[in-house]
Amino acid sequence: APARARILREHYRELGRVCVEYARLAELVRAPPGEVVSEVRGLEHLMRARERGRGAILLTGHFGNFELVGAWLGRTHPVDFVVKPLSNPGMEKWISAERSEAGVGQIALGSGFRGAFAALRENHWVALLADQDARRHGVFVPFFGHPASTPVGPAMLSLRTGAPIIMGFDQRQSDGRHVLEIEPPLEISNPGSADAALRLTAAHTARLEARIRTRPQSWFWLHRRWKTAPN
């Protein structure tokens, strides 16, 4: 269909832009105001969380240049990325150095969230992604009308620490610059109930879906998101 072909073409174009920006992450983060990130909307939500002192869970998807805007927020307040080490040691060393030079802290995903708990105790903002297939370790929540295995870690982390989940998205502008849109904290009823983590996971997945529908070319469609089928 022509619409699908257009989305795919624009998606590959965005991927190319992100790859080029990756190589200049530290430089772009330190660019003069307005040159790379032209506007930030909703920063007050993070500022309120900072005042409460419990940290915040910055949650987004593989949407636009998520690392650039996460690192850019690190100019305002300490930000730690929860990262999955790459299988290519040379590439892992390079990208880790880029993040460090950009001023970002890094927490290895395999640390059982100990590092994330410690960072939140220090009132840091911990940046996470939770939009790829979680195999049998995830919970199934609706995503574009189909059950999708989704990591429950961000929800569990929020419920155990009291740190709010605050979602943010990169909106690429026609001139190539970025607008960062930060949404109000996610809230659910009865956060102490047995199914709270499932409902919170469903809530952030629904927010991501709504964002993708407004700009489908910005999301990483190359991943097999529905690879794991429910039993």
Protein backbone atom coordinates (compact mmCIF):
# COMPACT_ATOMS: atom_id res chain seq x y z
CA ALA A 1 0.00 0.00 0.00
CA PRO A 2 1.29 3.51 -0.76
CA ALA A 3 0.83 4.61 2.87
CA ARG A 4 2.96 1.72 4.14
CA ALA A 5 5.64 2.41 1.55
CA ARG A 6 5.75 6.07 2.58
CA ILE A 7 6.04 5.22 6.29
CA LEU A 8 8.82 2.71 5.56
CA ARG A 9 10.73 5.20 3.40
CA GLU A 10 10.47 7.92 6.05
CA HIS A 11 11.41 5.40 8.76
CA TYR A 12 14.67 4.47 7.05
CA ARG A 13 15.41 8.15 6.55
CA GLU A 14 14.94 8.77 10.29
CA LEU A 15 17.12 5.76 11.15
CA GLY A 16 19.88 7.21 8.99
CA ARG A 17 19.65 10.56 10.74
CA VAL A 18 19.79 8.92 14.18
CA CYS A 19 22.86 6.88 13.20
CA VAL A 20 24.69 10.02 12.07
CA GLU A 21 23.72 11.81 15.30
CA TYR A 22 24.92 8.87 17.42
CA ALA A 23 28.45 9.47 16.24
CA ARG A 24 28.25 13.05 17.53
CA LEU A 25 26.24 12.47 20.71
CA ALA A 26 28.48 14.41 23.12
CA GLU A 27 28.90 17.28 20.66
CA LEU A 28 25.18 17.58 20.01
CA VAL A 29 24.31 17.49 23.72
CA ARG A 30 26.60 20.48 24.32
CA ALA A 31 25.34 22.48 21.34
CA PRO A 32 24.13 26.07 21.98
CA PRO A 33 20.51 26.40 23.14
CA GLY A 34 18.03 25.93 20.31
CA GLU A 35 20.53 24.55 17.82
CA VAL A 36 19.80 20.82 18.24
CA VAL A 37 16.91 20.70 20.73
CA SER A 38 14.68 23.58 19.72
CA GLU A 39 12.09 23.23 22.49
CA VAL A 40 11.26 21.23 25.62
CA ARG A 41 7.62 20.89 26.61
CA GLY A 42 6.53 19.57 30.00
CA LEU A 43 9.85 19.89 31.85
CA GLU A 44 7.86 20.97 34.91
CA HIS A 45 6.78 17.34 35.44
CA LEU A 46 10.40 16.31 35.97
CA MET A 47 11.12 19.35 38.11
CA ARG A 48 8.28 18.40 40.46
CA ALA A 49 9.67 14.88 40.73
CA ARG A 50 13.11 16.29 41.52
CA GLU A 51 11.63 18.32 44.39
CA ARG A 52 10.02 15.18 45.85
CA GLY A 53 13.45 13.53 46.02
CA ARG A 54 12.55 9.98 44.98
CA GLY A 55 14.03 10.22 41.51
CA ALA A 56 12.04 9.54 38.35
CA ILE A 57 11.82 6.77 35.78
CA LEU A 58 12.22 8.32 32.34
CA LEU A 59 10.41 5.93 30.05
CA THR A 60 10.21 6.05 26.28
CA GLY A 61 10.35 3.75 23.30
CA HIS A 62 12.74 3.27 20.41
CA PHE A 63 11.24 6.45 19.05
CA GLY A 64 13.27 9.11 17.26
CA ASN A 65 16.66 9.86 18.82
CA PHE A 66 15.73 8.79 22.34
CA GLU A 67 19.34 8.70 23.56
CA LEU A 68 20.04 12.25 22.41
CA VAL A 69 17.09 13.78 24.25
CA GLY A 70 17.79 11.62 27.33
CA ALA A 71 21.37 12.81 27.40
CA TRP A 72 20.23 16.38 26.80
CA LEU A 73 18.08 16.16 29.95
CA GLY A 74 21.26 15.17 31.78
CA ARG A 75 22.38 18.79 31.48
CA THR A 76 19.52 19.66 33.84
CA HIS A 77 19.82 16.83 36.37
CA PRO A 78 21.80 13.56 36.68
CA VAL A 79 20.47 10.95 34.23
CA ASP A 80 21.43 7.26 34.18
CA PHE A 81 20.62 5.03 31.21
CA VAL A 82 19.75 1.39 31.86
CA VAL A 83 21.61 -0.25 28.98
CA LYS A 84 21.88 -3.74 27.52
CA PRO A 85 25.53 -4.35 26.59
CA LEU A 86 26.03 -5.03 22.88
CA SER A 87 27.37 -8.38 21.71
CA ASN A 88 30.07 -6.59 19.67
CA PRO A 89 32.77 -5.56 22.21
CA GLY A 90 34.27 -2.90 19.97
CA MET A 91 30.91 -1.26 19.30
CA GLU A 92 30.00 -1.52 22.99
CA LYS A 93 33.22 0.23 24.01
CA TRP A 94 32.64 3.01 21.48
CA ILE A 95 28.99 3.70 22.38
CA SER A 96 29.74 3.51 26.12
CA ALA A 97 32.47 6.12 25.67
CA GLU A 98 30.06 8.34 23.70
CA ARG A 99 27.50 8.19 26.50
CA SER A 100 30.12 8.90 29.16
CA GLU A 101 31.43 11.87 27.21
CA ALA A 102 27.87 13.16 26.92
CA GLY A 103 27.63 13.10 30.73
CA VAL A 104 25.28 10.14 31.04
CA GLY A 105 25.54 7.48 33.75
CA GLN A 106 25.13 3.86 32.69
CA ILE A 107 23.51 0.95 34.55
CA ALA A 108 23.92 -2.55 33.08
CA LEU A 109 20.57 -4.24 32.48
CA GLY A 110 21.84 -7.51 33.98
CA SER A 111 22.45 -5.98 37.42
CA GLY A 112 18.98 -7.01 38.62
CA PHE A 113 17.97 -3.35 38.94
CA ARG A 114 20.27 -2.86 41.94
CA GLY A 115 21.93 0.01 40.14
CA ALA A 116 18.57 1.56 39.29
CA PHE A 117 17.42 1.37 42.92
CA ALA A 118 20.65 3.06 44.04
CA ALA A 119 20.33 5.80 41.43
CA LEU A 120 16.73 6.55 42.40
CA ARG A 121 17.75 6.75 46.06
CA GLU A 122 20.17 9.48 44.98
CA ASN A 123 17.24 11.26 43.27
CA HIS A 124 18.62 10.59 39.78
CA TRP A 125 16.44 10.24 36.69
CA VAL A 126 16.74 6.67 35.41
CA ALA A 127 16.06 6.26 31.68
CA LEU A 128 14.55 3.01 30.45
CA LEU A 129 13.09 1.46 27.31
CA ALA A 130 10.31 -1.13 27.52
CA ASP A 131 8.96 -1.54 24.01
CA GLN A 132 10.64 -4.70 22.71
CA ASP A 133 9.57 -8.32 22.96
CA ALA A 134 10.32 -9.65 26.47
CA ARG A 135 9.83 -13.32 25.57
CA ARG A 136 8.51 -15.36 28.51
CA HIS A 137 9.85 -12.91 31.08
CA GLY A 138 7.29 -10.25 30.19
CA VAL A 139 3.60 -9.67 30.74
CA PHE A 140 1.11 -9.56 27.90
CA VAL A 141 -0.61 -6.22 27.36
CA PRO A 142 -2.45 -4.84 24.33
CA PHE A 143 -0.33 -3.10 21.68
CA PHE A 144 -1.98 -2.11 18.40
CA GLY A 145 -4.77 -4.59 19.07
CA HIS A 146 -2.53 -7.60 19.75
CA PRO A 147 -1.15 -8.99 23.03
CA ALA A 148 2.56 -8.14 23.24
CA SER A 149 5.08 -9.54 25.74
CA THR A 150 6.33 -6.44 27.55
CA PRO A 151 9.02 -5.90 30.22
CA VAL A 152 7.47 -5.40 33.65
CA GLY A 153 10.66 -3.92 35.16
CA PRO A 154 9.78 -0.22 34.89
CA ALA A 155 6.41 -0.77 36.59
CA MET A 156 7.93 -2.88 39.37
CA LEU A 157 10.67 -0.31 39.91
CA SER A 158 8.14 2.49 40.19
CA LEU A 159 5.83 0.61 42.54
CA ARG A 160 8.68 -0.45 44.85
CA THR A 161 10.41 2.92 45.08
CA GLY A 162 7.63 5.46 44.68
CA ALA A 163 9.52 7.02 41.77
CA PRO A 164 7.01 8.15 39.14
CA ILE A 165 7.08 6.89 35.56
CA ILE A 166 7.37 9.96 33.35
CA MET A 167 7.27 9.38 29.62
CA GLY A 168 9.06 11.58 27.13
CA PHE A 169 9.24 11.56 23.35
CA ASP A 170 11.47 13.05 20.70
CA GLN A 171 9.56 14.87 17.98
CA ARG A 172 11.79 15.45 14.95
CA GLN A 173 11.00 18.74 13.20
CA SER A 174 11.11 19.38 9.47
CA ASP A 175 14.38 21.30 9.90
CA GLY A 176 16.00 18.28 11.59
CA ARG A 177 15.97 19.72 15.11
CA HIS A 178 14.26 18.02 18.04
CA VAL A 179 11.36 18.93 20.29
CA LEU A 180 11.25 16.99 23.55
CA GLU A 181 7.74 16.39 24.86
CA ILE A 182 7.49 15.24 28.48
CA GLU A 183 4.13 13.88 29.61
CA PRO A 184 2.57 14.03 33.09
CA PRO A 185 3.46 11.13 35.43
CA LEU A 186 1.59 7.90 34.87
CA GLU A 187 -0.95 7.16 37.58
CA ILE A 188 -3.13 4.12 38.20
CA SER A 189 -5.82 3.40 40.76
CA ASN A 190 -5.07 1.04 43.66
CA PRO A 191 -1.28 0.89 43.19
CA GLY A 192 -1.07 -1.60 46.06
CA SER A 193 -3.19 -4.25 44.34
CA ALA A 194 -1.79 -7.55 43.02
CA ASP A 195 -2.27 -6.57 39.38
CA ALA A 196 -0.80 -3.06 39.71
CA ALA A 197 2.37 -3.87 37.75
CA LEU A 198 0.35 -5.34 34.90
CA ARG A 199 -1.97 -2.33 34.75
CA LEU A 200 0.91 0.15 34.92
CA THR A 201 2.68 -1.71 32.10
CA ALA A 202 -0.51 -1.61 30.04
CA ALA A 203 -0.82 2.11 30.73
CA HIS A 204 2.66 3.04 29.50
CA THR A 205 2.31 0.75 26.48
CA ALA A 206 -0.96 2.48 25.55
CA ARG A 207 0.75 5.88 25.85
CA LEU A 208 3.50 4.73 23.49
CA GLU A 209 0.96 3.37 21.01
CA ALA A 210 -0.88 6.69 21.01
CA ARG A 211 2.40 8.50 20.28
CA ILE A 212 3.36 6.10 17.48
CA ARG A 213 -0.01 6.63 15.82
CA THR A 214 0.76 10.35 15.52
CA ARG A 215 4.20 9.72 13.97
CA PRO A 216 4.64 6.07 12.88
CA GLN A 217 7.86 6.70 10.95
CA SER A 218 9.70 7.57 14.17
CA TRP A 219 9.28 4.17 15.88
CA PHE A 220 11.67 1.24 15.36
CA TRP A 221 9.46 -1.06 13.28
CA LEU A 222 12.32 -3.42 12.34
CA HIS A 223 12.04 -5.31 15.65
CA ARG A 224 9.67 -8.31 15.80
CA ARG A 225 7.51 -6.81 18.54
CA TRP A 226 4.91 -9.63 18.62
CA LYS A 227 7.42 -12.48 18.30
CA THR A 228 6.28 -14.17 21.54
CA ALA A 229 2.69 -15.39 21.38
CA PRO A 230 0.63 -15.90 24.54
CA ASN A 231 0.05 -19.52 25.54
